[in-house]
């Protein structure tokens, strides 16, 4: 029974996908820009360890 339910759900998802792409959906295009340096961002400093001779 679980297998039959899974096949039914897969069919519904496939039909929804076909309907979505057949109606020419509007796709949001994000503008990608390079990251700008910001002085307000925190700076991560290396932690001294015994291996580096810092402790």
N, C-alpha and C. Protein backbone atom coordinates (compact mmCIF):
# COMPACT_ATOMS: atom_id res chain seq x y z
N UNK A 1 0.81 -1.20 0.00
CA UNK A 1 0.00 0.00 0.00
C UNK A 1 0.86 1.27 0.00
N UNK A 2 1.97 1.22 0.75
CA UNK A 2 2.84 2.39 0.79
C UNK A 2 3.46 2.64 -0.59
N UNK A 3 3.77 1.57 -1.29
CA UNK A 3 4.34 1.70 -2.62
C UNK A 3 3.35 2.34 -3.59
N UNK A 4 2.10 1.93 -3.49
CA UNK A 4 1.06 2.48 -4.36
C UNK A 4 0.85 3.97 -4.05
N UNK A 5 0.87 4.31 -2.77
CA UNK A 5 0.72 5.71 -2.38
C UNK A 5 1.91 6.53 -2.89
N UNK A 6 3.10 5.97 -2.82
CA UNK A 6 4.30 6.68 -3.30
C UNK A 6 4.22 6.92 -4.80
N UNK A 7 3.74 5.93 -5.54
CA UNK A 7 3.60 6.09 -6.99
C UNK A 7 2.56 7.17 -7.30
N UNK A 8 1.47 7.18 -6.53
CA UNK A 8 0.43 8.21 -6.72
C UNK A 8 0.96 9.60 -6.45
N UNK A 9 1.72 9.75 -5.37
CA UNK A 9 2.29 11.05 -5.03
C UNK A 9 3.28 11.49 -6.10
N UNK A 10 4.09 10.56 -6.58
CA UNK A 10 5.06 10.89 -7.63
C UNK A 10 4.33 11.36 -8.89
N UNK A 11 3.22 10.72 -9.20
CA UNK A 11 2.44 11.14 -10.37
C UNK A 11 1.87 12.53 -10.19
N UNK A 12 1.38 12.84 -9.00
CA UNK A 12 0.84 14.18 -8.75
C UNK A 12 1.93 15.25 -8.84
N UNK A 13 3.10 14.93 -8.32
CA UNK A 13 4.21 15.88 -8.40
C UNK A 13 4.63 16.09 -9.85
N UNK A 14 4.65 15.02 -10.63
CA UNK A 14 5.01 15.13 -12.05
C UNK A 14 3.99 15.96 -12.80
N UNK A 15 2.71 15.76 -12.51
CA UNK A 15 1.67 16.55 -13.18
C UNK A 15 1.76 18.02 -12.79
N UNK A 16 2.04 18.29 -11.50
CA UNK A 16 2.18 19.68 -11.06
C UNK A 16 3.39 20.34 -11.74
N UNK A 17 4.48 19.58 -11.89
CA UNK A 17 5.65 20.13 -12.57
C UNK A 17 5.37 20.40 -14.04
N UNK A 18 4.66 19.49 -14.69
CA UNK A 18 4.33 19.69 -16.11
C UNK A 18 3.43 20.92 -16.27
N UNK A 19 2.47 21.08 -15.37
CA UNK A 19 1.58 22.24 -15.42
C UNK A 19 2.37 23.52 -15.18
N UNK A 20 3.29 23.50 -14.23
CA UNK A 20 4.10 24.66 -13.91
C UNK A 20 4.91 25.12 -15.12
N UNK A 21 5.57 24.17 -15.80
CA UNK A 21 6.43 24.55 -16.91
C UNK A 21 5.64 24.81 -18.20
N UNK A 22 4.42 24.30 -18.29
CA UNK A 22 3.64 24.55 -19.50
C UNK A 22 2.99 25.93 -19.47
N UNK A 23 2.88 26.55 -18.30
CA UNK A 23 2.25 27.86 -18.19
C UNK A 23 3.28 28.99 -18.21
N UNK A 24 4.54 28.68 -18.56
CA UNK A 24 5.60 29.68 -18.67
C UNK A 24 5.75 30.47 -17.37
N UNK A 25 6.26 29.85 -16.32
CA UNK A 25 6.36 30.52 -15.02
C UNK A 25 7.37 31.67 -15.03
N UNK A 26 7.13 32.63 -14.17
CA UNK A 26 8.06 33.74 -14.00
C UNK A 26 9.14 33.30 -13.04
N UNK A 27 10.37 33.35 -13.50
CA UNK A 27 11.50 32.93 -12.68
C UNK A 27 12.22 34.18 -12.19
N UNK A 28 12.47 34.25 -10.90
CA UNK A 28 13.17 35.40 -10.33
C UNK A 28 14.66 35.22 -10.58
N UNK A 29 15.27 36.23 -11.16
CA UNK A 29 16.71 36.20 -11.44
C UNK A 29 17.40 37.11 -10.44
N UNK A 30 18.27 36.55 -9.64
CA UNK A 30 19.00 37.35 -8.64
C UNK A 30 20.22 37.97 -9.28
N UNK A 31 20.47 39.21 -8.96
CA UNK A 31 21.65 39.89 -9.46
C UNK A 31 22.82 39.52 -8.55
N UNK A 32 23.85 38.96 -9.13
CA UNK A 32 25.01 38.54 -8.37
C UNK A 32 26.10 39.60 -8.50
N UNK A 33 26.54 40.11 -7.36
CA UNK A 33 27.58 41.13 -7.35
C UNK A 33 28.72 40.67 -6.45
N UNK A 34 29.92 41.11 -6.73
CA UNK A 34 31.04 40.73 -5.85
C UNK A 34 30.86 41.32 -4.45
N UNK A 35 31.41 40.63 -3.48
CA UNK A 35 31.31 41.08 -2.09
C UNK A 35 32.23 42.29 -1.89
N UNK A 36 31.68 43.31 -1.29
CA UNK A 36 32.44 44.51 -1.02
C UNK A 36 33.02 44.45 0.39
N UNK A 37 34.24 44.92 0.60
CA UNK A 37 34.79 44.94 1.96
C UNK A 37 34.01 45.88 2.86
N UNK A 38 33.81 45.46 4.09
CA UNK A 38 33.04 46.26 5.03
C UNK A 38 33.79 46.30 6.36
N UNK A 39 34.07 47.49 6.86
CA UNK A 39 34.83 47.65 8.11
C UNK A 39 34.01 47.21 9.32
N UNK A 40 32.69 47.12 9.19
CA UNK A 40 31.84 46.75 10.32
C UNK A 40 31.81 45.23 10.55
N UNK A 41 32.32 44.46 9.61
CA UNK A 41 32.30 43.01 9.78
C UNK A 41 33.35 42.58 10.79
N UNK A 42 33.04 41.59 11.62
CA UNK A 42 34.04 41.14 12.60
C UNK A 42 35.20 40.43 11.90
N UNK A 43 36.37 40.52 12.50
CA UNK A 43 37.56 39.89 11.95
C UNK A 43 37.90 38.68 12.82
N UNK A 44 38.12 37.56 12.19
CA UNK A 44 38.48 36.35 12.92
C UNK A 44 39.99 36.26 12.97
N UNK A 45 40.52 36.24 14.17
CA UNK A 45 41.96 36.19 14.36
C UNK A 45 42.37 34.76 14.71
N UNK A 46 43.55 34.32 14.29
CA UNK A 46 43.99 32.96 14.62
C UNK A 46 44.16 32.78 16.12
N UNK A 47 43.78 31.62 16.61
CA UNK A 47 43.92 31.30 18.02
C UNK A 47 45.29 30.67 18.24
N UNK A 48 46.09 31.19 19.18
CA UNK A 48 47.40 30.61 19.40
C UNK A 48 47.27 29.20 20.01
N UNK A 49 48.12 28.30 19.57
CA UNK A 49 48.12 26.93 20.09
C UNK A 49 49.53 26.56 20.50
N UNK A 50 49.65 25.45 21.19
CA UNK A 50 50.97 24.96 21.59
C UNK A 50 51.80 24.62 20.36
N UNK A 51 51.12 24.12 19.33
CA UNK A 51 51.82 23.72 18.13
C UNK A 51 52.48 24.90 17.42
N UNK A 52 51.79 26.06 17.45
CA UNK A 52 52.35 27.25 16.79
C UNK A 52 53.30 28.01 17.70
N UNK A 53 53.44 27.58 18.96
CA UNK A 53 54.34 28.25 19.89
C UNK A 53 53.72 29.47 20.54
N UNK A 54 52.42 29.61 20.45
CA UNK A 54 51.76 30.78 21.00
C UNK A 54 51.39 30.65 22.47
N UNK A 55 51.40 29.46 23.02
CA UNK A 55 51.01 29.31 24.43
C UNK A 55 52.17 29.02 25.31
